[in-house]
Amino acid sequence: ELKTLVHFMASNLIGSPDQIEVTAEQRAAMVQINLRVPESEMGKVIGREGRIARAMRTMVTIASARHNLHARLEIDG
């Protein structure tokens, strides 16, 4: 469910959602989510001074808390 949320947010930011790769790895109550986007689209995902990336991480944290999990979002280009 968290993977779907991250993919949805990223696909609305960049033009081609088929270039987005989202992986999730769960260890006990911790979920590591990796978002990979093309290098040319990194600016759109990170935003000015990292505001969009911070907002995405906040959304993931809130969504994971509803399932009694702790999630961490990493963004790679």
PDB file of N, CA and C in Angstrom:
ATOM      1  N   GLU A   1       0.822  -1.189   0.000  1.00  0.00           N
ATOM      2  CA  GLU A   1       0.000   0.000   0.000  1.00  0.00           C
ATOM      3  C   GLU A   1       0.873   1.263   0.000  1.00  0.00           C
ATOM      4  N   LEU A   2       1.967   1.244   0.749  1.00  0.00           N
ATOM      5  CA  LEU A   2       2.874   2.390   0.766  1.00  0.00           C
ATOM      6  C   LEU A   2       3.580   2.551  -0.571  1.00  0.00           C
ATOM      7  N   LYS A   3       3.911   1.428  -1.199  1.00  0.00           N
ATOM      8  CA  LYS A   3       4.528   1.473  -2.527  1.00  0.00           C
ATOM      9  C   LYS A   3       3.609   2.163  -3.522  1.00  0.00           C
ATOM     10  N   THR A   4       2.338   1.832  -3.464  1.00  0.00           N
ATOM     11  CA  THR A   4       1.352   2.429  -4.361  1.00  0.00           C
ATOM     12  C   THR A   4       1.232   3.928  -4.117  1.00  0.00           C
ATOM     13  N   LEU A   5       1.256   4.328  -2.856  1.00  0.00           N
ATOM     14  CA  LEU A   5       1.180   5.747  -2.514  1.00  0.00           C
ATOM     15  C   LEU A   5       2.372   6.515  -3.081  1.00  0.00           C
ATOM     16  N   VAL A   6       3.578   5.980  -2.920  1.00  0.00           N
ATOM     17  CA  VAL A   6       4.783   6.645  -3.423  1.00  0.00           C
ATOM     18  C   VAL A   6       4.749   6.722  -4.946  1.00  0.00           C
ATOM     19  N   HIS A   7       4.339   5.638  -5.592  1.00  0.00           N
ATOM     20  CA  HIS A   7       4.265   5.631  -7.057  1.00  0.00           C
ATOM     21  C   HIS A   7       3.245   6.665  -7.545  1.00  0.00           C
ATOM     22  N   PHE A   8       2.117   6.755  -6.868  1.00  0.00           N
ATOM     23  CA  PHE A   8       1.088   7.721  -7.242  1.00  0.00           C
ATOM     24  C   PHE A   8       1.610   9.152  -7.131  1.00  0.00           C
ATOM     25  N   MET A   9       2.262   9.466  -6.023  1.00  0.00           N
ATOM     26  CA  MET A   9       2.784  10.821  -5.829  1.00  0.00           C
ATOM     27  C   MET A   9       3.840  11.158  -6.872  1.00  0.00           C
ATOM     28  N   ALA A  10       4.753  10.239  -7.134  1.00  0.00           N
ATOM     29  CA  ALA A  10       5.832  10.499  -8.084  1.00  0.00           C
ATOM     30  C   ALA A  10       5.310  10.595  -9.514  1.00  0.00           C
ATOM     31  N   SER A  11       4.339   9.771  -9.865  1.00  0.00           N
ATOM     32  CA  SER A  11       3.827   9.789 -11.239  1.00  0.00           C
ATOM     33  C   SER A  11       3.074  11.074 -11.538  1.00  0.00           C
ATOM     34  N   ASN A  12       2.542  11.735 -10.507  1.00  0.00           N
ATOM     35  CA  ASN A  12       1.880  13.010 -10.721  1.00  0.00           C
ATOM     36  C   ASN A  12       2.876  14.166 -10.832  1.00  0.00           C
ATOM     37  N   LEU A  13       4.104  13.921 -10.444  1.00  0.00           N
ATOM     38  CA  LEU A  13       5.122  14.965 -10.520  1.00  0.00           C
ATOM     39  C   LEU A  13       5.883  14.951 -11.837  1.00  0.00           C
ATOM     40  N   ILE A  14       6.149  13.764 -12.363  1.00  0.00           N
ATOM     41  CA  ILE A  14       6.914  13.684 -13.602  1.00  0.00           C
ATOM     42  C   ILE A  14       6.019  13.213 -14.738  1.00  0.00           C
ATOM     43  N   GLY A  15       6.455  13.449 -15.949  1.00  0.00           N
ATOM     44  CA  GLY A  15       5.625  13.191 -17.112  1.00  0.00           C
ATOM     45  C   GLY A  15       5.435  11.733 -17.475  1.00  0.00           C
ATOM     46  N   SER A  16       6.436  10.887 -17.246  1.00  0.00           N
ATOM     47  CA  SER A  16       6.348   9.498 -17.702  1.00  0.00           C
ATOM     48  C   SER A  16       6.406   8.534 -16.520  1.00  0.00           C
ATOM     49  N   PRO A  17       5.243   8.063 -16.076  1.00  0.00           N
ATOM     50  CA  PRO A  17       5.206   7.171 -14.916  1.00  0.00           C
ATOM     51  C   PRO A  17       5.846   5.806 -15.159  1.00  0.00           C
ATOM     52  N   ASP A  18       6.080   5.438 -16.426  1.00  0.00           N
ATOM     53  CA  ASP A  18       6.707   4.137 -16.692  1.00  0.00           C
ATOM     54  C   ASP A  18       8.198   4.149 -16.354  1.00  0.00           C
ATOM     55  N   GLN A  19       8.789   5.326 -16.121  1.00  0.00           N
ATOM     56  CA  GLN A  19      10.201   5.417 -15.768  1.00  0.00           C
ATOM     57  C   GLN A  19      10.414   5.432 -14.253  1.00  0.00           C
ATOM     58  N   ILE A  20       9.347   5.306 -13.493  1.00  0.00           N
ATOM     59  CA  ILE A  20       9.431   5.314 -12.038  1.00  0.00           C
ATOM     60  C   ILE A  20       9.574   3.875 -11.542  1.00  0.00           C
ATOM     61  N   GLU A  21      10.499   3.692 -10.615  1.00  0.00           N
ATOM     62  CA  GLU A  21      10.683   2.369 -10.011  1.00  0.00           C
ATOM     63  C   GLU A  21      10.585   2.526  -8.497  1.00  0.00           C
ATOM     64  N   VAL A  22       9.675   1.781  -7.891  1.00  0.00           N
ATOM     65  CA  VAL A  22       9.480   1.834  -6.439  1.00  0.00           C
ATOM     66  C   VAL A  22       9.660   0.428  -5.889  1.00  0.00           C
ATOM     67  N   THR A  23      10.557   0.299  -4.916  1.00  0.00           N
ATOM     68  CA  THR A  23      10.761  -0.983  -4.248  1.00  0.00           C
ATOM     69  C   THR A  23      10.554  -0.780  -2.755  1.00  0.00           C
ATOM     70  N   ALA A  24      10.092  -1.823  -2.090  1.00  0.00           N
ATOM     71  CA  ALA A  24       9.873  -1.759  -0.644  1.00  0.00           C
ATOM     72  C   ALA A  24      10.430  -3.025  -0.009  1.00  0.00           C
ATOM     73  N   GLU A  25      11.086  -2.832   1.107  1.00  0.00           N
ATOM     74  CA  GLU A  25      11.659  -3.952   1.850  1.00  0.00           C
ATOM     75  C   GLU A  25      11.261  -3.795   3.311  1.00  0.00           C
ATOM     76  N   GLN A  26      10.629  -4.834   3.866  1.00  0.00           N
ATOM     77  CA  GLN A  26      10.144  -4.751   5.239  1.00  0.00           C
ATOM     78  C   GLN A  26      11.004  -5.606   6.159  1.00  0.00           C
ATOM     79  N   ARG A  27      11.410  -4.997   7.260  1.00  0.00           N
ATOM     80  CA  ARG A  27      12.140  -5.703   8.317  1.00  0.00           C
ATOM     81  C   ARG A  27      11.426  -5.415   9.625  1.00  0.00           C
ATOM     82  N   ALA A  28      10.722  -6.378  10.121  1.00  0.00           N
ATOM     83  CA  ALA A  28       9.920  -6.240  11.351  1.00  0.00           C
ATOM     84  C   ALA A  28       8.942  -5.078  11.189  1.00  0.00           C
ATOM     85  N   ALA A  29       9.040  -4.052  12.020  1.00  0.00           N
ATOM     86  CA  ALA A  29       8.110  -2.926  11.945  1.00  0.00           C
ATOM     87  C   ALA A  29       8.689  -1.764  11.136  1.00  0.00           C
ATOM     88  N   MET A  30       9.781  -2.001  10.420  1.00  0.00           N
ATOM     89  CA  MET A  30      10.440  -0.958   9.619  1.00  0.00           C
ATOM     90  C   MET A  30      10.288  -1.286   8.140  1.00  0.00           C
ATOM     91  N   VAL A  31       9.881  -0.292   7.353  1.00  0.00           N
ATOM     92  CA  VAL A  31       9.744  -0.463   5.907  1.00  0.00           C
ATOM     93  C   VAL A  31      10.650   0.554   5.218  1.00  0.00           C
ATOM     94  N   GLN A  32      11.550   0.050   4.371  1.00  0.00           N
ATOM     95  CA  GLN A  32      12.438   0.903   3.584  1.00  0.00           C
ATOM     96  C   GLN A  32      11.866   0.977   2.170  1.00  0.00           C
ATOM     97  N   ILE A  33      11.504   2.183   1.731  1.00  0.00           N
ATOM     98  CA  ILE A  33      10.948   2.378   0.395  1.00  0.00           C
ATOM     99  C   ILE A  33      11.957   3.164  -0.428  1.00  0.00           C
ATOM    100  N   ASN A  34      12.289   2.640  -1.596  1.00  0.00           N
ATOM    101  CA  ASN A  34      13.226   3.296  -2.497  1.00  0.00           C
ATOM    102  C   ASN A  34      12.487   3.745  -3.743  1.00  0.00           C
ATOM    103  N   LEU A  35      12.624   5.017  -4.052  1.00  0.00           N
ATOM    104  CA  LEU A  35      12.020   5.599  -5.250  1.00  0.00           C
ATOM    105  C   LEU A  35      13.147   5.962  -6.200  1.00  0.00           C
ATOM    106  N   ARG A  36      13.095   5.419  -7.403  1.00  0.00           N
ATOM    107  CA  ARG A  36      14.103   5.723  -8.414  1.00  0.00           C
ATOM    108  C   ARG A  36      13.412   6.388  -9.595  1.00  0.00           C
ATOM    109  N   VAL A  37      13.888   7.585  -9.923  1.00  0.00           N
ATOM    110  CA  VAL A  37      13.363   8.344 -11.055  1.00  0.00           C
ATOM    111  C   VAL A  37      14.532   8.714 -11.963  1.00  0.00           C
ATOM    112  N   PRO A  38      14.267   9.075 -13.216  1.00  0.00           N
ATOM    113  CA  PRO A  38      15.355   9.497 -14.104  1.00  0.00           C
ATOM    114  C   PRO A  38      16.075  10.728 -13.543  1.00  0.00           C
ATOM    115  N   GLU A  39      17.374  10.791 -13.789  1.00  0.00           N
ATOM    116  CA  GLU A  39      18.192  11.899 -13.293  1.00  0.00           C
ATOM    117  C   GLU A  39      17.649  13.255 -13.746  1.00  0.00           C
ATOM    118  N   SER A  40      17.105  13.304 -14.958  1.00  0.00           N
ATOM    119  CA  SER A  40      16.586  14.567 -15.489  1.00  0.00           C
ATOM    120  C   SER A  40      15.313  15.029 -14.781  1.00  0.00           C
ATOM    121  N   GLU A  41      14.650  14.135 -14.078  1.00  0.00           N
ATOM    122  CA  GLU A  41      13.398  14.462 -13.385  1.00  0.00           C
ATOM    123  C   GLU A  41      13.581  14.659 -11.880  1.00  0.00           C
ATOM    124  N   MET A  42      14.812  14.546 -11.392  1.00  0.00           N
ATOM    125  CA  MET A  42      15.061  14.644  -9.951  1.00  0.00           C
ATOM    126  C   MET A  42      14.619  15.988  -9.376  1.00  0.00           C
ATOM    127  N   GLY A  43      14.818  17.057 -10.116  1.00  0.00           N
ATOM    128  CA  GLY A  43      14.434  18.381  -9.630  1.00  0.00           C
ATOM    129  C   GLY A  43      12.954  18.492  -9.352  1.00  0.00           C
ATOM    130  N   LYS A  44      12.142  17.850 -10.186  1.00  0.00           N
ATOM    131  CA  LYS A  44      10.694  17.892  -9.984  1.00  0.00           C
ATOM    132  C   LYS A  44      10.280  17.121  -8.741  1.00  0.00           C
ATOM    133  N   VAL A  45      10.982  16.040  -8.460  1.00  0.00           N
ATOM    134  CA  VAL A  45      10.626  15.204  -7.314  1.00  0.00           C
ATOM    135  C   VAL A  45      11.142  15.813  -6.014  1.00  0.00           C
ATOM    136  N   ILE A  46      12.310  16.423  -6.050  1.00  0.00           N
ATOM    137  CA  ILE A  46      12.881  17.005  -4.836  1.00  0.00           C
ATOM    138  C   ILE A  46      12.263  18.363  -4.535  1.00  0.00           C
ATOM    139  N   GLY A  47      12.080  19.191  -5.542  1.00  0.00           N
ATOM    140  CA  GLY A  47      11.460  20.495  -5.339  1.00  0.00           C
ATOM    141  C   GLY A  47      12.444  21.519  -4.805  1.00  0.00           C
ATOM    142  N   ARG A  48      11.982  22.743  -4.673  1.00  0.00           N
ATOM    143  CA  ARG A  48      12.830  23.824  -4.152  1.00  0.00           C
ATOM    144  C   ARG A  48      13.174  23.564  -2.704  1.00  0.00           C
ATOM    145  N   GLU A  49      14.450  23.564  -2.435  1.00  0.00           N
ATOM    146  CA  GLU A  49      14.978  23.343  -1.091  1.00  0.00           C
ATOM    147  C   GLU A  49      14.468  22.036  -0.478  1.00  0.00           C
ATOM    148  N   GLY A  50      14.089  21.077  -1.314  1.00  0.00           N
ATOM    149  CA  GLY A  50      13.656  19.770  -0.838  1.00  0.00           C
ATOM    150  C   GLY A  50      12.253  19.730  -0.273  1.00  0.00           C
ATOM    151  N   ARG A  51      11.448  20.718  -0.594  1.00  0.00           N
ATOM    152  CA  ARG A  51      10.107  20.792  -0.009  1.00  0.00           C
ATOM    153  C   ARG A  51       9.203  19.653  -0.452  1.00  0.00           C
ATOM    154  N   ILE A  52       9.244  19.308  -1.727  1.00  0.00           N
ATOM    155  CA  ILE A  52       8.379  18.228  -2.216  1.00  0.00           C
ATOM    156  C   ILE A  52       8.819  16.895  -1.630  1.00  0.00           C
ATOM    157  N   ALA A  53      10.130  16.656  -1.597  1.00  0.00           N
ATOM    158  CA  ALA A  53      10.641  15.414  -1.021  1.00  0.00           C
ATOM    159  C   ALA A  53      10.265  15.312   0.459  1.00  0.00           C
ATOM    160  N   ARG A  54      10.367  16.411   1.172  1.00  0.00           N
ATOM    161  CA  ARG A  54       9.999  16.425   2.589  1.00  0.00           C
ATOM    162  C   ARG A  54       8.516  16.130   2.763  1.00  0.00           C
ATOM    163  N   ALA A  55       7.691  16.703   1.899  1.00  0.00           N
ATOM    164  CA  ALA A  55       6.244  16.452   1.971  1.00  0.00           C
ATOM    165  C   ALA A  55       5.925  14.989   1.667  1.00  0.00           C
ATOM    166  N   MET A  56       6.621  14.413   0.676  1.00  0.00           N
ATOM    167  CA  MET A  56       6.405  12.996   0.355  1.00  0.00           C
ATOM    168  C   MET A  56       6.795  12.118   1.534  1.00  0.00           C
ATOM    169  N   ARG A  57       7.917  12.434   2.183  1.00  0.00           N
ATOM    170  CA  ARG A  57       8.357  11.650   3.345  1.00  0.00           C
ATOM    171  C   ARG A  57       7.353  11.775   4.491  1.00  0.00           C
ATOM    172  N   THR A  58       6.785  12.958   4.669  1.00  0.00           N
ATOM    173  CA  THR A  58       5.784  13.155   5.708  1.00  0.00           C
ATOM    174  C   THR A  58       4.537  12.320   5.431  1.00  0.00           C
ATOM    175  N   MET A  59       4.104  12.310   4.185  1.00  0.00           N
ATOM    176  CA  MET A  59       2.925  11.510   3.813  1.00  0.00           C
ATOM    177  C   MET A  59       3.180  10.018   4.059  1.00  0.00           C
ATOM    178  N   VAL A  60       4.366   9.540   3.705  1.00  0.00           N
ATOM    179  CA  VAL A  60       4.709   8.132   3.911  1.00  0.00           C
ATOM    180  C   VAL A  60       4.755   7.812   5.402  1.00  0.00           C
ATOM    181  N   THR A  61       5.303   8.713   6.196  1.00  0.00           N
ATOM    182  CA  THR A  61       5.360   8.509   7.646  1.00  0.00           C
ATOM    183  C   THR A  61       3.963   8.414   8.250  1.00  0.00           C
ATOM    184  N   ILE A  62       3.073   9.302   7.828  1.00  0.00           N
ATOM    185  CA  ILE A  62       1.707   9.286   8.345  1.00  0.00           C
ATOM    186  C   ILE A  62       0.975   8.013   7.918  1.00  0.00           C
ATOM    187  N   ALA A  63       1.120   7.635   6.639  1.00  0.00           N
ATOM    188  CA  ALA A  63       0.442   6.429   6.147  1.00  0.00           C
ATOM    189  C   ALA A  63       0.978   5.180   6.845  1.00  0.00           C
ATOM    190  N   SER A  64       2.275   5.132   7.113  1.00  0.00           N
ATOM    191  CA  SER A  64       2.835   3.947   7.776  1.00  0.00           C
ATOM    192  C   SER A  64       2.414   3.886   9.236  1.00  0.00           C
ATOM    193  N   ALA A  65       2.258   5.035   9.874  1.00  0.00           N
ATOM    194  CA  ALA A  65       1.835   5.055  11.279  1.00  0.00           C
ATOM    195  C   ALA A  65       0.433   4.478  11.445  1.00  0.00           C
ATOM    196  N   ARG A  66      -0.381   4.630  10.426  1.00  0.00           N
ATOM    197  CA  ARG A  66      -1.740   4.055  10.484  1.00  0.00           C
ATOM    198  C   ARG A  66      -1.707   2.530  10.520  1.00  0.00           C
ATOM    199  N   HIS A  67      -0.600   1.937  10.050  1.00  0.00           N
ATOM    200  CA  HIS A  67      -0.451   0.482  10.054  1.00  0.00           C
ATOM    201  C   HIS A  67       0.538   0.024  11.115  1.00  0.00           C
ATOM    202  N   ASN A  68       0.827   0.899  12.070  1.00  0.00           N
ATOM    203  CA  ASN A  68       1.773   0.606  13.149  1.00  0.00           C
ATOM    204  C   ASN A  68       3.146   0.213  12.620  1.00  0.00           C
ATOM    205  N   LEU A  69       3.600   0.915  11.597  1.00  0.00           N
ATOM    206  CA  LEU A  69       4.918   0.690  11.008  1.00  0.00           C
ATOM    207  C   LEU A  69       5.707   1.983  11.033  1.00  0.00           C
ATOM    208  N   HIS A  70       7.000   1.847  10.831  1.00  0.00           N
ATOM    209  CA  HIS A  70       7.866   3.010  10.645  1.00  0.00           C
ATOM    210  C   HIS A  70       8.443   2.899   9.242  1.00  0.00           C
ATOM    211  N   ALA A  71       8.203   3.887   8.408  1.00  0.00           N
ATOM    212  CA  ALA A  71       8.653   3.839   7.018  1.00  0.00           C
ATOM    213  C   ALA A  71       9.698   4.912   6.773  1.00  0.00           C
ATOM    214  N   ARG A  72      10.586   4.593   5.848  1.00  0.00           N
ATOM    215  CA  ARG A  72      11.643   5.518   5.445  1.00  0.00           C
ATOM    216  C   ARG A  72      11.686   5.568   3.939  1.00  0.00           C
ATOM    217  N   LEU A  73      11.691   6.761   3.367  1.00  0.00           N
ATOM    218  CA  LEU A  73      11.681   6.939   1.916  1.00  0.00           C
ATOM    219  C   LEU A  73      13.020   7.478   1.461  1.00  0.00           C
ATOM    220  N   GLU A  74      13.648   6.777   0.516  1.00  0.00           N
ATOM    221  CA  GLU A  74      14.893   7.206  -0.116  1.00  0.00           C
ATOM    222  C   GLU A  74      14.594   7.497  -1.583  1.00  0.00           C
ATOM    223  N   ILE A  75      15.103   8.623  -2.081  1.00  0.00           N
ATOM    224  CA  ILE A  75      14.878   9.026  -3.461  1.00  0.00           C
ATOM    225  C   ILE A  75      16.211   9.003  -4.198  1.00  0.00           C
ATOM    226  N   ASP A  76      16.288   8.233  -5.279  1.00  0.00           N
ATOM    227  CA  ASP A  76      17.508   8.109  -6.069  1.00  0.00           C
ATOM    228  C   ASP A  76      17.243   8.516  -7.504  1.00  0.00           C
ATOM    229  N   GLY A  77      18.288   8.961  -8.148  1.00  0.00           N
ATOM    230  CA  GLY A  77      18.179   9.338  -9.560  1.00  0.00           C
ATOM    231  C   GLY A  77      19.032   8.498 -10.440  1.00  0.00           C
TER     232      GLY A  77
END
